[in-house]
C-alpha atoms as a PDB file:
ATOM      1  CA  MET A   1     186.839 -63.560 104.013  1.00  0.00           C
ATOM      2  CA  ARG A   2     186.391 -61.689 100.734  1.00  0.00           C
ATOM      3  CA  LEU A   3     187.949 -58.608 102.336  1.00  0.00           C
ATOM      4  CA  PHE A   4     190.887 -60.654 103.586  1.00  0.00           C
ATOM      5  CA  VAL A   5     191.650 -62.364 100.276  1.00  0.00           C
ATOM      6  CA  ALA A   6     191.189 -59.180  98.247  1.00  0.00           C
ATOM      7  CA  SER A   7     193.353 -57.205 100.674  1.00  0.00           C
ATOM      8  CA  LEU A   8     196.125 -59.787 100.532  1.00  0.00           C
ATOM      9  CA  THR A   9     196.206 -60.181  96.757  1.00  0.00           C
ATOM     10  CA  THR A  10     195.798 -56.472  96.029  1.00  0.00           C
ATOM     11  CA  SER A  11     198.600 -55.436  98.360  1.00  0.00           C
ATOM     12  CA  LEU A  12     200.965 -58.208  97.240  1.00  0.00           C
ATOM     13  CA  PHE A  13     200.680 -57.861  93.468  1.00  0.00           C
ATOM     14  CA  GLY A  14     197.388 -56.329  92.283  1.00  0.00           C
ATOM     15  CA  PHE A  15     198.389 -52.730  92.953  1.00  0.00           C
ATOM     16  CA  ALA A  16     201.812 -53.374  91.431  1.00  0.00           C
ATOM     17  CA  PHE A  17     200.336 -54.777  88.219  1.00  0.00           C
ATOM     18  CA  ALA A  18     197.969 -51.832  87.830  1.00  0.00           C
ATOM     19  CA  PHE A  19     200.112 -48.884  88.946  1.00  0.00           C
ATOM     20  CA  GLY A  20     203.725 -50.017  88.967  1.00  0.00           C
ATOM     21  CA  TYR A  21     206.232 -48.347  86.686  1.00  0.00           C
ATOM     22  CA  SER A  22     207.396 -50.462  83.779  1.00  0.00           C
ATOM     23  CA  SER A  23     209.223 -50.341  80.461  1.00  0.00           C
ATOM     24  CA  ASN A  24     206.217 -52.005  78.821  1.00  0.00           C
ATOM     25  CA  PRO A  25     202.750 -50.447  78.422  1.00  0.00           C
ATOM     26  CA  PHE A  26     200.907 -53.570  79.558  1.00  0.00           C
ATOM     27  CA  ILE A  27     201.670 -54.319  83.205  1.00  0.00           C
ATOM     28  CA  GLY A  28     203.549 -52.833  86.152  1.00  0.00           C
ATOM     29  CA  THR A  29     206.718 -54.435  87.493  1.00  0.00           C
ATOM     30  CA  ASN A  30     207.302 -52.768  90.860  1.00  0.00           C
ATOM     31  CA  PHE A  31     205.444 -51.761  94.063  1.00  0.00           C
ATOM     32  CA  PHE A  32     204.959 -55.442  94.915  1.00  0.00           C
ATOM     33  CA  ALA A  33     203.851 -55.860  98.548  1.00  0.00           C
ATOM     34  CA  LEU A  34     203.522 -52.056  98.553  1.00  0.00           C
ATOM     35  CA  LYS A  35     207.297 -51.627  98.451  1.00  0.00           C
ATOM     36  CA  ASP A  36     208.220 -47.913  98.109  1.00  0.00           C
ATOM     37  CA  ILE A  37     204.657 -46.877  98.975  1.00  0.00           C
ATOM     38  CA  PRO A  38     203.989 -44.093  99.890  1.00  0.00           C
ATOM     39  CA  ASN A  39     205.958 -42.015  97.392  1.00  0.00           C
ATOM     40  CA  SER A  40     205.567 -38.804  95.431  1.00  0.00           C
ATOM     41  CA  SER A  41     202.937 -40.379  93.146  1.00  0.00           C
ATOM     42  CA  TYR A  42     200.856 -42.616  95.427  1.00  0.00           C
ATOM     43  CA  ASP A  43     200.012 -42.694  99.120  1.00  0.00           C
ATOM     44  CA  TYR A  44     198.096 -45.142 101.302  1.00  0.00           C
ATOM     45  CA  SER A  45     194.797 -43.355 100.749  1.00  0.00           C
ATOM     46  CA  PHE A  46     195.126 -43.960  96.995  1.00  0.00           C
ATOM     47  CA  PHE A  47     195.867 -47.630  97.622  1.00  0.00           C
ATOM     48  CA  LEU A  48     192.789 -47.981  99.846  1.00  0.00           C
ATOM     49  CA  TYR A  49     190.645 -46.386  97.179  1.00  0.00           C
ATOM     50  CA  GLN A  50     191.863 -48.854  94.535  1.00  0.00           C
ATOM     51  CA  TRP A  51     191.472 -51.711  97.028  1.00  0.00           C
ATOM     52  CA  ALA A  52     187.789 -50.793  97.312  1.00  0.00           C
ATOM     53  CA  PHE A  53     187.427 -51.301  93.557  1.00  0.00           C
ATOM     54  CA  ALA A  54     189.067 -54.717  93.817  1.00  0.00           C
ATOM     55  CA  ILE A  55     186.627 -56.016  96.444  1.00  0.00           C
ATOM     56  CA  ALA A  56     183.682 -54.488  94.544  1.00  0.00           C
ATOM     57  CA  ILE A  57     184.315 -56.859  91.631  1.00  0.00           C
ATOM     58  CA  ALA A  58     184.022 -59.900  93.865  1.00  0.00           C
ATOM     59  CA  GLY A  59     180.969 -58.387  95.540  1.00  0.00           C
ATOM     60  CA  ILE A  60     179.135 -58.077  92.226  1.00  0.00           C
ATOM     61  CA  THR A  61     179.924 -61.665  91.295  1.00  0.00           C
ATOM     62  CA  SER A  62     178.936 -63.059  94.700  1.00  0.00           C
ATOM     63  CA  GLY A  63     175.448 -61.612  94.315  1.00  0.00           C
ATOM     64  CA  SER A  64     174.963 -63.401  90.998  1.00  0.00           C
ATOM     65  CA  ILE A  65     175.825 -66.821  92.375  1.00  0.00           C
ATOM     66  CA  ALA A  66     174.238 -66.431  95.808  1.00  0.00           C
ATOM     67  CA  GLU A  67     172.791 -69.419  97.673  1.00  0.00           C
ATOM     68  CA  ARG A  68     174.314 -72.128  95.445  1.00  0.00           C
ATOM     69  CA  THR A  69     178.106 -71.834  95.507  1.00  0.00           C
ATOM     70  CA  GLN A  70     180.672 -73.500  97.750  1.00  0.00           C
ATOM     71  CA  PHE A  71     183.208 -71.212  99.393  1.00  0.00           C
ATOM     72  CA  SER A  72     186.164 -72.951  97.735  1.00  0.00           C
ATOM     73  CA  THR A  73     184.674 -72.237  94.302  1.00  0.00           C
ATOM     74  CA  TYR A  74     183.865 -68.662  95.228  1.00  0.00           C
ATOM     75  CA  LEU A  75     187.532 -67.982  96.044  1.00  0.00           C
ATOM     76  CA  VAL A  76     188.401 -68.482  92.381  1.00  0.00           C
ATOM     77  CA  LEU A  77     186.346 -65.399  91.552  1.00  0.00           C
ATOM     78  CA  ILE A  78     188.227 -63.069  93.937  1.00  0.00           C
ATOM     79  CA  PHE A  79     190.995 -61.359  92.027  1.00  0.00           C
ATOM     80  CA  PRO A  80     192.863 -58.058  92.503  1.00  0.00           C
ATOM     81  CA  GLN A  81     192.416 -54.792  90.671  1.00  0.00           C
ATOM     82  CA  SER A  82     190.510 -54.025  87.530  1.00  0.00           C
ATOM     83  CA  GLY A  83     189.922 -50.857  85.584  1.00  0.00           C
ATOM     84  CA  VAL A  84     186.528 -52.146  84.510  1.00  0.00           C
ATOM     85  CA  VAL A  85     184.903 -53.131  87.763  1.00  0.00           C
ATOM     86  CA  HIS A  86     181.283 -53.493  86.726  1.00  0.00           C
ATOM     87  CA  LEU A  87     181.617 -55.372  83.455  1.00  0.00           C
ATOM     88  CA  VAL A  88     184.312 -57.733  84.744  1.00  0.00           C
ATOM     89  CA  GLY A  89     182.227 -58.637  87.796  1.00  0.00           C
ATOM     90  CA  ALA A  90     179.086 -58.975  85.698  1.00  0.00           C
ATOM     91  CA  VAL A  91     180.651 -61.329  83.149  1.00  0.00           C
ATOM     92  CA  ALA A  92     182.039 -63.533  85.935  1.00  0.00           C
ATOM     93  CA  GLY A  93     178.595 -63.557  87.554  1.00  0.00           C
ATOM     94  CA  LEU A  94     176.916 -64.307  84.229  1.00  0.00           C
ATOM     95  CA  TRP A  95     178.948 -67.436  83.632  1.00  0.00           C
ATOM     96  CA  GLY A  96     178.674 -68.502  87.266  1.00  0.00           C
ATOM     97  CA  SER A  97     174.878 -68.213  87.213  1.00  0.00           C
ATOM     98  CA  PHE A  98     174.663 -69.956  83.843  1.00  0.00           C
ATOM     99  CA  LEU A  99     176.814 -72.921  84.888  1.00  0.00           C
ATOM    100  CA  GLU A 100     175.130 -73.401  88.262  1.00  0.00           C
ATOM    101  CA  GLY A 101     171.579 -72.974  87.032  1.00  0.00           C
ATOM    102  CA  PRO A 102     168.648 -71.347  88.860  1.00  0.00           C
ATOM    103  CA  ARG A 103     168.154 -71.554  92.607  1.00  0.00           C
ATOM    104  CA  VAL A 104     165.785 -74.244  93.844  1.00  0.00           C
ATOM    105  CA  GLY A 105     162.263 -72.812  93.756  1.00  0.00           C
ATOM    106  CA  ARG A 106     163.037 -69.891  91.422  1.00  0.00           C
ATOM    107  CA  PHE A 107     161.099 -71.484  88.529  1.00  0.00           C
ATOM    108  CA  ASP A 108     158.429 -74.161  88.530  1.00  0.00           C
ATOM    109  CA  ALA A 109     158.450 -77.329  86.436  1.00  0.00           C
ATOM    110  CA  PHE A 110     157.073 -75.403  83.459  1.00  0.00           C
ATOM    111  CA  GLY A 111     159.678 -72.622  83.645  1.00  0.00           C
ATOM    112  CA  LYS A 112     157.324 -70.079  85.184  1.00  0.00           C
ATOM    113  CA  PRO A 113     159.066 -67.659  87.598  1.00  0.00           C
ATOM    114  CA  MET A 114     158.065 -68.112  91.235  1.00  0.00           C
ATOM    115  CA  PRO A 115     158.218 -65.468  94.012  1.00  0.00           C
ATOM    116  CA  MET A 116     160.913 -66.084  96.608  1.00  0.00           C
ATOM    117  CA  ARG A 117     160.600 -64.813 100.162  1.00  0.00           C
ATOM    118  CA  GLY A 118     163.200 -62.490 101.632  1.00  0.00           C
ATOM    119  CA  GLN A 119     165.404 -63.897 104.379  1.00  0.00           C
ATOM    120  CA  ASN A 120     166.426 -61.124 106.777  1.00  0.00           C
ATOM    121  CA  ALA A 121     164.842 -57.694 106.483  1.00  0.00           C
ATOM    122  CA  THR A 122     167.062 -56.257 109.237  1.00  0.00           C
ATOM    123  CA  LEU A 123     170.277 -57.110 107.410  1.00  0.00           C
ATOM    124  CA  VAL A 124     168.844 -55.823 104.128  1.00  0.00           C
ATOM    125  CA  VAL A 125     168.080 -52.422 105.655  1.00  0.00           C
ATOM    126  CA  LEU A 126     171.414 -52.243 107.485  1.00  0.00           C
ATOM    127  CA  SER A 127     173.450 -53.169 104.421  1.00  0.00           C
ATOM    128  CA  THR A 128     171.506 -50.667 102.318  1.00  0.00           C
ATOM    129  CA  PHE A 129     172.439 -47.831 104.658  1.00  0.00           C
ATOM    130  CA  LEU A 130     176.084 -48.963 104.794  1.00  0.00           C
ATOM    131  CA  LEU A 131     176.273 -49.127 101.007  1.00  0.00           C
ATOM    132  CA  TRP A 132     174.503 -45.798 100.624  1.00  0.00           C
ATOM    133  CA  PHE A 133     176.821 -44.039 103.059  1.00  0.00           C
ATOM    134  CA  GLY A 134     179.986 -45.643 101.673  1.00  0.00           C
ATOM    135  CA  TRP A 135     179.140 -44.728  98.108  1.00  0.00           C
ATOM    136  CA  PHE A 136     179.107 -41.025  98.982  1.00  0.00           C
ATOM    137  CA  GLY A 137     182.894 -41.189  99.183  1.00  0.00           C
ATOM    138  CA  PHE A 138     183.497 -44.012  96.747  1.00  0.00           C
ATOM    139  CA  ASN A 139     181.691 -42.710  93.679  1.00  0.00           C
ATOM    140  CA  PRO A 140     182.623 -38.998  93.937  1.00  0.00           C
ATOM    141  CA  GLY A 141     186.221 -40.134  94.305  1.00  0.00           C
ATOM    142  CA  SER A 142     185.963 -41.649  90.836  1.00  0.00           C
ATOM    143  CA  PHE A 143     185.852 -38.166  89.370  1.00  0.00           C
ATOM    144  CA  ASP A 144     189.521 -37.517  90.138  1.00  0.00           C
ATOM    145  CA  LYS A 145     190.298 -38.471  86.539  1.00  0.00           C
ATOM    146  CA  ILE A 146     187.656 -40.261  84.538  1.00  0.00           C
ATOM    147  CA  LEU A 147     186.454 -40.245  80.953  1.00  0.00           C
ATOM    148  CA  VAL A 148     182.723 -39.763  81.218  1.00  0.00           C
ATOM    149  CA  ALA A 149     179.992 -38.878  78.775  1.00  0.00           C
ATOM    150  CA  TYR A 150     177.166 -39.026  81.351  1.00  0.00           C
ATOM    151  CA  PRO A 151     174.919 -41.696  79.795  1.00  0.00           C
ATOM    152  CA  ASN A 152     171.241 -40.864  79.987  1.00  0.00           C
ATOM    153  CA  GLY A 153     169.676 -42.688  82.938  1.00  0.00           C
ATOM    154  CA  THR A 154     166.449 -43.284  81.065  1.00  0.00           C
ATOM    155  CA  ASN A 155     168.284 -45.130  78.313  1.00  0.00           C
ATOM    156  CA  GLN A 156     170.077 -47.326  80.831  1.00  0.00           C
ATOM    157  CA  ALA A 157     166.784 -48.045  82.577  1.00  0.00           C
ATOM    158  CA  TRP A 158     165.331 -49.383  79.353  1.00  0.00           C
ATOM    159  CA  VAL A 159     168.437 -51.535  78.838  1.00  0.00           C
ATOM    160  CA  LEU A 160     167.956 -53.020  82.314  1.00  0.00           C
ATOM    161  CA  ILE A 161     164.216 -53.602  81.842  1.00  0.00           C
ATOM    162  CA  GLY A 162     164.765 -55.323  78.504  1.00  0.00           C
ATOM    163  CA  LEU A 163     167.512 -57.586  79.830  1.00  0.00           C
ATOM    164  CA  ASN A 164     165.440 -58.532  82.890  1.00  0.00           C
ATOM    165  CA  ILE A 165     162.571 -59.604  80.637  1.00  0.00           C
ATOM    166  CA  LEU A 166     164.987 -61.654  78.545  1.00  0.00           C
ATOM    167  CA  ALA A 167     166.503 -63.266  81.658  1.00  0.00           C
ATOM    168  CA  VAL A 168     163.082 -64.468  82.853  1.00  0.00           C
ATOM    169  CA  LYS A 169     162.255 -65.906  79.433  1.00  0.00           C
ATOM    170  CA  LEU A 170     165.560 -67.809  79.419  1.00  0.00           C
ATOM    171  CA  ASN A 171     165.108 -69.019  83.044  1.00  0.00           C
ATOM    172  CA  PHE A 172     168.315 -67.229  83.967  1.00  0.00           C
ATOM    173  CA  ASP A 173     168.594 -66.662  87.718  1.00  0.00           C
ATOM    174  CA  ASP A 174     170.814 -63.787  88.855  1.00  0.00           C
ATOM    175  CA  PRO A 175     169.623 -62.615  92.313  1.00  0.00           C
ATOM    176  CA  LEU A 176     171.634 -59.383  92.085  1.00  0.00           C
ATOM    177  CA  GLU A 177     170.761 -58.767  88.418  1.00  0.00           C
ATOM    178  CA  ALA A 178     174.495 -58.191  88.008  1.00  0.00           C
ATOM    179  CA  ALA A 179     174.650 -59.459  84.441  1.00  0.00           C
ATOM    180  CA  GLN A 180     171.761 -57.228  83.419  1.00  0.00           C
ATOM    181  CA  LEU A 181     172.597 -54.142  85.488  1.00  0.00           C
ATOM    182  CA  HIS A 182     176.372 -54.112  85.873  1.00  0.00           C
ATOM    183  CA  GLY A 183     176.941 -55.902  82.571  1.00  0.00           C
ATOM    184  CA  GLY A 184     174.317 -54.614  80.158  1.00  0.00           C
ATOM    185  CA  CYS A 185     174.169 -51.049  81.437  1.00  0.00           C
ATOM    186  CA  ASP A 186     177.945 -50.784  81.752  1.00  0.00           C
ATOM    187  CA  ALA A 187     178.441 -52.074  78.213  1.00  0.00           C
ATOM    188  CA  TRP A 188     175.989 -49.444  77.017  1.00  0.00           C
ATOM    189  CA  GLY A 189     177.852 -46.813  79.040  1.00  0.00           C
ATOM    190  CA  LEU A 190     181.135 -47.726  77.363  1.00  0.00           C
ATOM    191  CA  ILE A 191     179.589 -47.539  73.897  1.00  0.00           C
ATOM    192  CA  PHE A 192     177.800 -44.308  74.821  1.00  0.00           C
ATOM    193  CA  THR A 193     181.177 -42.775  75.695  1.00  0.00           C
ATOM    194  CA  GLY A 194     182.509 -43.686  72.256  1.00  0.00           C
ATOM    195  CA  LEU A 195     179.544 -41.905  70.743  1.00  0.00           C
ATOM    196  CA  PHE A 196     179.216 -38.783  72.907  1.00  0.00           C
ATOM    197  CA  ALA A 197     182.512 -38.129  74.783  1.00  0.00           C
ATOM    198  CA  LYS A 198     183.491 -34.489  74.337  1.00  0.00           C
ATOM    199  CA  ASP A 199     186.966 -33.476  73.243  1.00  0.00           C
ATOM    200  CA  GLU A 200     187.484 -31.468  76.438  1.00  0.00           C
ATOM    201  CA  PHE A 201     186.823 -34.509  78.641  1.00  0.00           C
ATOM    202  CA  VAL A 202     189.298 -36.690  76.741  1.00  0.00           C
ATOM    203  CA  PHE A 203     191.848 -33.882  76.870  1.00  0.00           C
ATOM    204  CA  GLN A 204     191.511 -33.632  80.659  1.00  0.00           C
ATOM    205  CA  VAL A 205     191.821 -37.375  81.232  1.00  0.00           C
ATOM    206  CA  TYR A 206     194.837 -38.085  79.035  1.00  0.00           C
ATOM    207  CA  ASP A 207     196.539 -34.706  79.541  1.00  0.00           C
ATOM    208  CA  SER A 208     197.676 -34.815  75.927  1.00  0.00           C
ATOM    209  CA  GLY A 209     198.952 -31.247  75.927  1.00  0.00           C
ATOM    210  CA  GLU A 210     196.585 -29.969  73.284  1.00  0.00           C
ATOM    211  CA  SER A 211     192.995 -30.464  72.290  1.00  0.00           C
ATOM    212  CA  GLY A 212     192.156 -32.725  69.363  1.00  0.00           C
ATOM    213  CA  VAL A 213     195.152 -35.068  69.698  1.00  0.00           C
ATOM    214  CA  CYS A 214     193.159 -38.009  71.082  1.00  0.00           C
ATOM    215  CA  PRO A 215     189.991 -39.353  69.434  1.00  0.00           C
ATOM    216  CA  TYR A 216     186.673 -38.557  71.096  1.00  0.00           C
ATOM    217  CA  GLY A 217     182.960 -39.205  70.568  1.00  0.00           C
ATOM    218  CA  LEU A 218     181.773 -40.078  67.085  1.00  0.00           C
ATOM    219  CA  PHE A 219     178.699 -37.849  67.282  1.00  0.00           C
ATOM    220  CA  MET A 220     180.836 -35.027  68.682  1.00  0.00           C
ATOM    221  CA  GLY A 221     182.963 -34.996  65.525  1.00  0.00           C
ATOM    222  CA  GLY A 222     185.793 -37.112  66.883  1.00  0.00           C
ATOM    223  CA  GLY A 223     185.691 -39.887  64.299  1.00  0.00           C
ATOM    224  CA  TRP A 224     185.513 -43.629  64.816  1.00  0.00           C
ATOM    225  CA  GLY A 225     188.671 -44.057  66.911  1.00  0.00           C
ATOM    226  CA  GLN A 226     187.175 -43.674  70.392  1.00  0.00           C
ATOM    227  CA  LEU A 227     184.138 -45.791  69.560  1.00  0.00           C
ATOM    228  CA  GLY A 228     186.415 -48.504  68.192  1.00  0.00           C
ATOM    229  CA  CYS A 229     188.409 -48.521  71.444  1.00  0.00           C
ATOM    230  CA  GLN A 230     185.252 -48.735  73.556  1.00  0.00           C
ATOM    231  CA  VAL A 231     183.753 -51.592  71.530  1.00  0.00           C
ATOM    232  CA  THR A 232     187.077 -53.433  71.634  1.00  0.00           C
ATOM    233  CA  GLU A 233     187.146 -53.112  75.418  1.00  0.00           C
ATOM    234  CA  VAL A 234     183.652 -54.597  75.711  1.00  0.00           C
ATOM    235  CA  LEU A 235     184.522 -57.531  73.427  1.00  0.00           C
ATOM    236  CA  VAL A 236     187.799 -58.278  75.215  1.00  0.00           C
ATOM    237  CA  ILE A 237     186.165 -58.335  78.662  1.00  0.00           C
ATOM    238  CA  VAL A 238     183.187 -60.415  77.553  1.00  0.00           C
ATOM    239  CA  SER A 239     185.390 -62.927  75.749  1.00  0.00           C
END
């Protein structure tokens, strides 16, 4: 059902909002219901790639609120298109998990975490292989045009470990660890970009015509502009 709803909303207006041409810099005003697609700028393969991002957001959120959410409520969290897949999905999952509370049996009467048995090992293994195989095309495709500073994996691991410890202390139950992983690590990745993005990467992404026109990483000599943009993005999404 998630695929159906995301497909419908993305094709009707999500793709248009994100990629439609417009006289304003905020939102697109054409390509609704994929009108005039394909064209010289976009084809159906590009639409399918962006559609995959749209359903990924809902997938992240669904893991956070697993086993305690009615389907009608879950539909509210399925929305089309987003340039910030991980953090958007994580924030939605964070509030969903917070409002619904822990799953029955996750913590005892004294707030001590309790082990919970797995439900279907066969489906876990199958879905792992499907996700693994699908991500070979999905993630490399992100490098068509992307501003990346390659955050150190060790640093992100420590962010995740620290947030998981905090979640247990606060009796916060997120089965997918979406708030900690997709939220905390992604927020760090955005800030890391503002600190370490190289001028050449920014130049390639924005095609500004000459190097040094756009701000880049603070520690790379690019000033505070890029870091300010990254922090603003985090605050806007979280709020």
